[in-house]
Amino acid sequence: MTGMIQIRNVPDALHRQIKARAALEGVSMSLYILRQVEKALARPSRRELVEAVRRQAAVRLDPPPAEVIQEERNTRDLSRDP
């Protein structure tokens, strides 16, 4: 079963842009828009992404990154001294 979606009040410039891109791909405007919607929905929304990150276990790094960076800076500084 398929459904229908109608979009009203599409600005003329946007309509022309969609029509041109659909033509470049050799498909109808409907198919072009359907593909764009599918692509958009294949990616997680910001809310979904934030929730997925929150569900991740905390990562503990040993040694802490700040120590690694400081050690690298110290090593670099020592190699510059005459």
PDB file of N, CA and C in Angstrom:
ATOM      1  N   MET A   1       0.834  -1.171   0.000  1.00  0.00           N
ATOM      2  CA  MET A   1       0.000   0.000   0.000  1.00  0.00           C
ATOM      3  C   MET A   1       0.886   1.244   0.000  1.00  0.00           C
ATOM      4  N   THR A   2       0.514   2.222  -0.761  1.00  0.00           N
ATOM      5  CA  THR A   2       1.266   3.473  -0.808  1.00  0.00           C
ATOM      6  C   THR A   2       0.365   4.623  -0.394  1.00  0.00           C
ATOM      7  N   GLY A   3       0.977   5.670   0.079  1.00  0.00           N
ATOM      8  CA  GLY A   3       0.231   6.849   0.479  1.00  0.00           C
ATOM      9  C   GLY A   3       0.609   8.011  -0.413  1.00  0.00           C
ATOM     10  N   MET A   4      -0.070   9.105  -0.202  1.00  0.00           N
ATOM     11  CA  MET A   4       0.193  10.298  -0.996  1.00  0.00           C
ATOM     12  C   MET A   4       0.471  11.453  -0.050  1.00  0.00           C
ATOM     13  N   ILE A   5       1.441  12.254  -0.398  1.00  0.00           N
ATOM     14  CA  ILE A   5       1.753  13.462   0.352  1.00  0.00           C
ATOM     15  C   ILE A   5       1.685  14.625  -0.626  1.00  0.00           C
ATOM     16  N   GLN A   6       1.040  15.673  -0.206  1.00  0.00           N
ATOM     17  CA  GLN A   6       0.949  16.867  -1.039  1.00  0.00           C
ATOM     18  C   GLN A   6       1.606  18.015  -0.278  1.00  0.00           C
ATOM     19  N   ILE A   7       2.428  18.773  -0.973  1.00  0.00           N
ATOM     20  CA  ILE A   7       3.092  19.909  -0.340  1.00  0.00           C
ATOM     21  C   ILE A   7       2.553  21.175  -0.983  1.00  0.00           C
ATOM     22  N   ARG A   8       2.027  22.039  -0.151  1.00  0.00           N
ATOM     23  CA  ARG A   8       1.456  23.297  -0.647  1.00  0.00           C
ATOM     24  C   ARG A   8       2.410  24.440  -0.370  1.00  0.00           C
ATOM     25  N   ASN A   9       2.178  25.533  -1.073  1.00  0.00           N
ATOM     26  CA  ASN A   9       2.921  26.787  -0.872  1.00  0.00           C
ATOM     27  C   ASN A   9       4.420  26.638  -1.077  1.00  0.00           C
ATOM     28  N   VAL A  10       4.800  25.862  -2.083  1.00  0.00           N
ATOM     29  CA  VAL A  10       6.217  25.712  -2.420  1.00  0.00           C
ATOM     30  C   VAL A  10       6.652  26.964  -3.174  1.00  0.00           C
ATOM     31  N   PRO A  11       7.656  27.670  -2.686  1.00  0.00           N
ATOM     32  CA  PRO A  11       8.119  28.874  -3.395  1.00  0.00           C
ATOM     33  C   PRO A  11       8.555  28.534  -4.817  1.00  0.00           C
ATOM     34  N   ASP A  12       8.312  29.477  -5.730  1.00  0.00           N
ATOM     35  CA  ASP A  12       8.628  29.246  -7.146  1.00  0.00           C
ATOM     36  C   ASP A  12      10.092  28.866  -7.366  1.00  0.00           C
ATOM     37  N   ALA A  13      10.993  29.551  -6.669  1.00  0.00           N
ATOM     38  CA  ALA A  13      12.424  29.262  -6.857  1.00  0.00           C
ATOM     39  C   ALA A  13      12.753  27.830  -6.433  1.00  0.00           C
ATOM     40  N   LEU A  14      12.178  27.375  -5.330  1.00  0.00           N
ATOM     41  CA  LEU A  14      12.414  26.008  -4.867  1.00  0.00           C
ATOM     42  C   LEU A  14      11.817  25.005  -5.851  1.00  0.00           C
ATOM     43  N   HIS A  15      10.636  25.293  -6.352  1.00  0.00           N
ATOM     44  CA  HIS A  15       9.981  24.412  -7.330  1.00  0.00           C
ATOM     45  C   HIS A  15      10.860  24.259  -8.572  1.00  0.00           C
ATOM     46  N   ARG A  16      11.403  25.382  -9.051  1.00  0.00           N
ATOM     47  CA  ARG A  16      12.269  25.334 -10.247  1.00  0.00           C
ATOM     48  C   ARG A  16      13.529  24.524  -9.965  1.00  0.00           C
ATOM     49  N   GLN A  17      14.083  24.689  -8.763  1.00  0.00           N
ATOM     50  CA  GLN A  17      15.306  23.962  -8.417  1.00  0.00           C
ATOM     51  C   GLN A  17      15.049  22.463  -8.353  1.00  0.00           C
ATOM     52  N   ILE A  18      13.954  22.071  -7.757  1.00  0.00           N
ATOM     53  CA  ILE A  18      13.605  20.641  -7.693  1.00  0.00           C
ATOM     54  C   ILE A  18      13.373  20.096  -9.094  1.00  0.00           C
ATOM     55  N   LYS A  19      12.656  20.853  -9.892  1.00  0.00           N
ATOM     56  CA  LYS A  19      12.359  20.418 -11.261  1.00  0.00           C
ATOM     57  C   LYS A  19      13.651  20.241 -12.061  1.00  0.00           C
ATOM     58  N   ALA A  20      14.582  21.173 -11.897  1.00  0.00           N
ATOM     59  CA  ALA A  20      15.854  21.090 -12.624  1.00  0.00           C
ATOM     60  C   ALA A  20      16.677  19.890 -12.171  1.00  0.00           C
ATOM     61  N   ARG A  21      16.761  19.673 -10.870  1.00  0.00           N
ATOM     62  CA  ARG A  21      17.541  18.533 -10.367  1.00  0.00           C
ATOM     63  C   ARG A  21      16.919  17.208 -10.775  1.00  0.00           C
ATOM     64  N   ALA A  22      15.610  17.127 -10.736  1.00  0.00           N
ATOM     65  CA  ALA A  22      14.930  15.904 -11.175  1.00  0.00           C
ATOM     66  C   ALA A  22      15.239  15.637 -12.651  1.00  0.00           C
ATOM     67  N   ALA A  23      15.212  16.693 -13.445  1.00  0.00           N
ATOM     68  CA  ALA A  23      15.505  16.546 -14.871  1.00  0.00           C
ATOM     69  C   ALA A  23      16.938  16.076 -15.087  1.00  0.00           C
ATOM     70  N   LEU A  24      17.869  16.616 -14.324  1.00  0.00           N
ATOM     71  CA  LEU A  24      19.268  16.196 -14.452  1.00  0.00           C
ATOM     72  C   LEU A  24      19.445  14.717 -14.133  1.00  0.00           C
ATOM     73  N   GLU A  25      18.652  14.223 -13.192  1.00  0.00           N
ATOM     74  CA  GLU A  25      18.725  12.807 -12.836  1.00  0.00           C
ATOM     75  C   GLU A  25      17.833  11.948 -13.715  1.00  0.00           C
ATOM     76  N   GLY A  26      17.044  12.570 -14.574  1.00  0.00           N
ATOM     77  CA  GLY A  26      16.181  11.825 -15.487  1.00  0.00           C
ATOM     78  C   GLY A  26      15.015  11.143 -14.803  1.00  0.00           C
ATOM     79  N   VAL A  27      14.516  11.764 -13.725  1.00  0.00           N
ATOM     80  CA  VAL A  27      13.381  11.188 -13.003  1.00  0.00           C
ATOM     81  C   VAL A  27      12.306  12.258 -12.829  1.00  0.00           C
ATOM     82  N   SER A  28      11.131  11.810 -12.439  1.00  0.00           N
ATOM     83  CA  SER A  28      10.054  12.753 -12.177  1.00  0.00           C
ATOM     84  C   SER A  28      10.340  13.527 -10.894  1.00  0.00           C
ATOM     85  N   MET A  29       9.659  14.644 -10.732  1.00  0.00           N
ATOM     86  CA  MET A  29       9.803  15.411  -9.505  1.00  0.00           C
ATOM     87  C   MET A  29       9.369  14.577  -8.307  1.00  0.00           C
ATOM     88  N   SER A  30       8.306  13.816  -8.469  1.00  0.00           N
ATOM     89  CA  SER A  30       7.816  12.986  -7.365  1.00  0.00           C
ATOM     90  C   SER A  30       8.869  11.977  -6.920  1.00  0.00           C
ATOM     91  N   LEU A  31       9.493  11.314  -7.884  1.00  0.00           N
ATOM     92  CA  LEU A  31      10.510  10.326  -7.542  1.00  0.00           C
ATOM     93  C   LEU A  31      11.738  11.001  -6.930  1.00  0.00           C
ATOM     94  N   TYR A  32      12.117  12.148  -7.473  1.00  0.00           N
ATOM     95  CA  TYR A  32      13.259  12.876  -6.932  1.00  0.00           C
ATOM     96  C   TYR A  32      13.004  13.253  -5.476  1.00  0.00           C
ATOM     97  N   ILE A  33      11.831  13.811  -5.194  1.00  0.00           N
ATOM     98  CA  ILE A  33      11.495  14.213  -3.828  1.00  0.00           C
ATOM     99  C   ILE A  33      11.419  12.995  -2.916  1.00  0.00           C
ATOM    100  N   LEU A  34      10.835  11.906  -3.387  1.00  0.00           N
ATOM    101  CA  LEU A  34      10.750  10.690  -2.588  1.00  0.00           C
ATOM    102  C   LEU A  34      12.143  10.203  -2.206  1.00  0.00           C
ATOM    103  N   ARG A  35      13.076  10.229  -3.150  1.00  0.00           N
ATOM    104  CA  ARG A  35      14.453   9.805  -2.858  1.00  0.00           C
ATOM    105  C   ARG A  35      15.104  10.724  -1.826  1.00  0.00           C
ATOM    106  N   GLN A  36      14.851  12.018  -1.932  1.00  0.00           N
ATOM    107  CA  GLN A  36      15.420  12.965  -0.973  1.00  0.00           C
ATOM    108  C   GLN A  36      14.864  12.732   0.424  1.00  0.00           C
ATOM    109  N   VAL A  37      13.579  12.449   0.520  1.00  0.00           N
ATOM    110  CA  VAL A  37      12.965  12.168   1.816  1.00  0.00           C
ATOM    111  C   VAL A  37      13.546  10.882   2.392  1.00  0.00           C
ATOM    112  N   GLU A  38      13.709   9.855   1.563  1.00  0.00           N
ATOM    113  CA  GLU A  38      14.294   8.593   2.032  1.00  0.00           C
ATOM    114  C   GLU A  38      15.707   8.811   2.565  1.00  0.00           C
ATOM    115  N   LYS A  39      16.506   9.613   1.852  1.00  0.00           N
ATOM    116  CA  LYS A  39      17.870   9.907   2.309  1.00  0.00           C
ATOM    117  C   LYS A  39      17.852  10.623   3.652  1.00  0.00           C
ATOM    118  N   ALA A  40      16.963  11.599   3.777  1.00  0.00           N
ATOM    119  CA  ALA A  40      16.884  12.369   5.022  1.00  0.00           C
ATOM    120  C   ALA A  40      16.482  11.472   6.189  1.00  0.00           C
ATOM    121  N   LEU A  41      15.561  10.567   5.967  1.00  0.00           N
ATOM    122  CA  LEU A  41      15.078   9.708   7.041  1.00  0.00           C
ATOM    123  C   LEU A  41      16.017   8.548   7.339  1.00  0.00           C
ATOM    124  N   ALA A  42      16.963   8.276   6.454  1.00  0.00           N
ATOM    125  CA  ALA A  42      17.943   7.213   6.697  1.00  0.00           C
ATOM    126  C   ALA A  42      18.960   7.645   7.751  1.00  0.00           C
ATOM    127  N   ARG A  43      19.135   8.954   7.899  1.00  0.00           N
ATOM    128  CA  ARG A  43      20.038   9.486   8.911  1.00  0.00           C
ATOM    129  C   ARG A  43      19.266   9.714  10.202  1.00  0.00           C
ATOM    130  N   PRO A  44      19.906   9.490  11.335  1.00  0.00           N
ATOM    131  CA  PRO A  44      19.200   9.737  12.601  1.00  0.00           C
ATOM    132  C   PRO A  44      18.967  11.238  12.805  1.00  0.00           C
ATOM    133  N   SER A  45      17.875  11.561  13.468  1.00  0.00           N
ATOM    134  CA  SER A  45      17.611  12.957  13.814  1.00  0.00           C
ATOM    135  C   SER A  45      18.580  13.372  14.920  1.00  0.00           C
ATOM    136  N   ARG A  46      18.665  14.655  15.190  1.00  0.00           N
ATOM    137  CA  ARG A  46      19.535  15.116  16.272  1.00  0.00           C
ATOM    138  C   ARG A  46      19.132  14.467  17.589  1.00  0.00           C
ATOM    139  N   ARG A  47      17.840  14.421  17.834  1.00  0.00           N
ATOM    140  CA  ARG A  47      17.357  13.829  19.087  1.00  0.00           C
ATOM    141  C   ARG A  47      17.762  12.361  19.181  1.00  0.00           C
ATOM    142  N   GLU A  48      17.599  11.606  18.078  1.00  0.00           N
ATOM    143  CA  GLU A  48      17.976  10.191  18.074  1.00  0.00           C
ATOM    144  C   GLU A  48      19.477  10.035  18.299  1.00  0.00           C
ATOM    145  N   LEU A  49      20.253  10.905  17.679  1.00  0.00           N
ATOM    146  CA  LEU A  49      21.703  10.843  17.818  1.00  0.00           C
ATOM    147  C   LEU A  49      22.126  11.151  19.253  1.00  0.00           C
ATOM    148  N   VAL A  50      21.534  12.176  19.841  1.00  0.00           N
ATOM    149  CA  VAL A  50      21.860  12.527  21.223  1.00  0.00           C
ATOM    150  C   VAL A  50      21.499  11.380  22.158  1.00  0.00           C
ATOM    151  N   GLU A  51      20.336  10.780  21.958  1.00  0.00           N
ATOM    152  CA  GLU A  51      19.925   9.662  22.809  1.00  0.00           C
ATOM    153  C   GLU A  51      20.867   8.465  22.649  1.00  0.00           C
ATOM    154  N   ALA A  52      21.314   8.205  21.440  1.00  0.00           N
ATOM    155  CA  ALA A  52      22.246   7.095  21.213  1.00  0.00           C
ATOM    156  C   ALA A  52      23.566   7.347  21.927  1.00  0.00           C
ATOM    157  N   VAL A  53      24.036   8.588  21.895  1.00  0.00           N
ATOM    158  CA  VAL A  53      25.285   8.926  22.578  1.00  0.00           C
ATOM    159  C   VAL A  53      25.104   8.797  24.092  1.00  0.00           C
ATOM    160  N   ARG A  54      23.964   9.247  24.599  1.00  0.00           N
ATOM    161  CA  ARG A  54      23.714   9.146  26.042  1.00  0.00           C
ATOM    162  C   ARG A  54      23.679   7.701  26.524  1.00  0.00           C
ATOM    163  N   ARG A  55      23.241   6.798  25.667  1.00  0.00           N
ATOM    164  CA  ARG A  55      23.162   5.380  26.045  1.00  0.00           C
ATOM    165  C   ARG A  55      24.534   4.705  26.063  1.00  0.00           C
ATOM    166  N   GLN A  56      25.517   5.332  25.431  1.00  0.00           N
ATOM    167  CA  GLN A  56      26.859   4.757  25.383  1.00  0.00           C
ATOM    168  C   GLN A  56      27.484   4.793  26.770  1.00  0.00           C
ATOM    169  N   ALA A  57      28.264   3.789  27.058  1.00  0.00           N
ATOM    170  CA  ALA A  57      28.987   3.756  28.328  1.00  0.00           C
ATOM    171  C   ALA A  57      30.080   4.819  28.308  1.00  0.00           C
ATOM    172  N   ALA A  58      30.348   5.384  29.469  1.00  0.00           N
ATOM    173  CA  ALA A  58      31.406   6.386  29.579  1.00  0.00           C
ATOM    174  C   ALA A  58      32.750   5.736  29.268  1.00  0.00           C
ATOM    175  N   VAL A  59      33.605   6.490  28.647  1.00  0.00           N
ATOM    176  CA  VAL A  59      34.939   5.995  28.282  1.00  0.00           C
ATOM    177  C   VAL A  59      35.956   6.633  29.216  1.00  0.00           C
ATOM    178  N   ARG A  60      36.741   5.818  29.848  1.00  0.00           N
ATOM    179  CA  ARG A  60      37.816   6.298  30.725  1.00  0.00           C
ATOM    180  C   ARG A  60      39.143   6.026  30.019  1.00  0.00           C
ATOM    181  N   LEU A  61      39.890   7.077  29.796  1.00  0.00           N
ATOM    182  CA  LEU A  61      41.172   6.940  29.122  1.00  0.00           C
ATOM    183  C   LEU A  61      42.287   6.982  30.146  1.00  0.00           C
ATOM    184  N   ASP A  62      43.260   6.096  29.978  1.00  0.00           N
ATOM    185  CA  ASP A  62      44.378   6.042  30.899  1.00  0.00           C
ATOM    186  C   ASP A  62      45.658   5.976  30.099  1.00  0.00           C
ATOM    187  N   PRO A  63      46.484   6.935  30.120  1.00  0.00           N
ATOM    188  CA  PRO A  63      46.412   8.151  30.920  1.00  0.00           C
ATOM    189  C   PRO A  63      45.401   9.137  30.326  1.00  0.00           C
ATOM    190  N   PRO A  64      44.988  10.109  31.123  1.00  0.00           N
ATOM    191  CA  PRO A  64      44.039  11.107  30.626  1.00  0.00           C
ATOM    192  C   PRO A  64      44.630  11.895  29.459  1.00  0.00           C
ATOM    193  N   PRO A  65      43.813  12.292  28.511  1.00  0.00           N
ATOM    194  CA  PRO A  65      44.304  13.016  27.329  1.00  0.00           C
ATOM    195  C   PRO A  65      45.111  14.265  27.676  1.00  0.00           C
ATOM    196  N   ALA A  66      44.712  14.983  28.716  1.00  0.00           N
ATOM    197  CA  ALA A  66      45.444  16.197  29.089  1.00  0.00           C
ATOM    198  C   ALA A  66      46.888  15.872  29.443  1.00  0.00           C
ATOM    199  N   GLU A  67      47.114  14.748  30.103  1.00  0.00           N
ATOM    200  CA  GLU A  67      48.484  14.347  30.456  1.00  0.00           C
ATOM    201  C   GLU A  67      49.287  13.991  29.210  1.00  0.00           C
ATOM    202  N   VAL A  68      48.676  13.298  28.286  1.00  0.00           N
ATOM    203  CA  VAL A  68      49.357  12.911  27.039  1.00  0.00           C
ATOM    204  C   VAL A  68      49.757  14.156  26.259  1.00  0.00           C
ATOM    205  N   ILE A  69      48.852  15.115  26.177  1.00  0.00           N
ATOM    206  CA  ILE A  69      49.134  16.354  25.441  1.00  0.00           C
ATOM    207  C   ILE A  69      50.264  17.119  26.125  1.00  0.00           C
ATOM    208  N   GLN A  70      50.197  17.234  27.452  1.00  0.00           N
ATOM    209  CA  GLN A  70      51.240  17.954  28.178  1.00  0.00           C
ATOM    210  C   GLN A  70      52.597  17.277  28.000  1.00  0.00           C
ATOM    211  N   GLU A  71      52.615  15.963  28.051  1.00  0.00           N
ATOM    212  CA  GLU A  71      53.869  15.226  27.856  1.00  0.00           C
ATOM    213  C   GLU A  71      54.435  15.468  26.467  1.00  0.00           C
ATOM    214  N   GLU A  72      53.571  15.468  25.461  1.00  0.00           N
ATOM    215  CA  GLU A  72      54.018  15.730  24.090  1.00  0.00           C
ATOM    216  C   GLU A  72      54.577  17.136  23.969  1.00  0.00           C
ATOM    217  N   ARG A  73      53.920  18.100  24.572  1.00  0.00           N
ATOM    218  CA  ARG A  73      54.410  19.487  24.533  1.00  0.00           C
ATOM    219  C   ARG A  73      55.767  19.599  25.231  1.00  0.00           C
ATOM    220  N   ASN A  74      55.887  18.928  26.370  1.00  0.00           N
ATOM    221  CA  ASN A  74      57.164  18.969  27.080  1.00  0.00           C
ATOM    222  C   ASN A  74      58.276  18.354  26.249  1.00  0.00           C
ATOM    223  N   THR A  75      58.000  17.238  25.588  1.00  0.00           N
ATOM    224  CA  THR A  75      58.977  16.567  24.748  1.00  0.00           C
ATOM    225  C   THR A  75      59.392  17.489  23.585  1.00  0.00           C
ATOM    226  N   ARG A  76      58.414  18.140  22.998  1.00  0.00           N
ATOM    227  CA  ARG A  76      58.677  19.065  21.893  1.00  0.00           C
ATOM    228  C   ARG A  76      59.524  20.234  22.359  1.00  0.00           C
ATOM    229  N   ASP A  77      59.224  20.767  23.531  1.00  0.00           N
ATOM    230  CA  ASP A  77      59.968  21.911  24.080  1.00  0.00           C
ATOM    231  C   ASP A  77      61.410  21.521  24.358  1.00  0.00           C
ATOM    232  N   LEU A  78      61.619  20.310  24.891  1.00  0.00           N
ATOM    233  CA  LEU A  78      62.971  19.852  25.199  1.00  0.00           C
ATOM    234  C   LEU A  78      63.801  19.662  23.940  1.00  0.00           C
ATOM    235  N   SER A  79      63.185  19.229  22.863  1.00  0.00           N
ATOM    236  CA  SER A  79      63.938  18.994  21.629  1.00  0.00           C
ATOM    237  C   SER A  79      64.338  20.309  20.955  1.00  0.00           C
ATOM    238  N   ARG A  80      63.707  21.396  21.321  1.00  0.00           N
ATOM    239  CA  ARG A  80      64.055  22.699  20.750  1.00  0.00           C
ATOM    240  C   ARG A  80      65.191  23.380  21.505  1.00  0.00           C
ATOM    241  N   ASP A  81      65.380  22.987  22.760  1.00  0.00           N
ATOM    242  CA  ASP A  81      66.446  23.612  23.560  1.00  0.00           C
ATOM    243  C   ASP A  81      67.804  23.220  23.014  1.00  0.00           C
ATOM    244  N   PRO A  82      68.751  24.221  23.004  1.00  0.00           N
ATOM    245  CA  PRO A  82      70.109  23.916  22.479  1.00  0.00           C
ATOM    246  C   PRO A  82      70.933  23.048  23.368  1.00  0.00           C
TER     247      PRO A  82
END
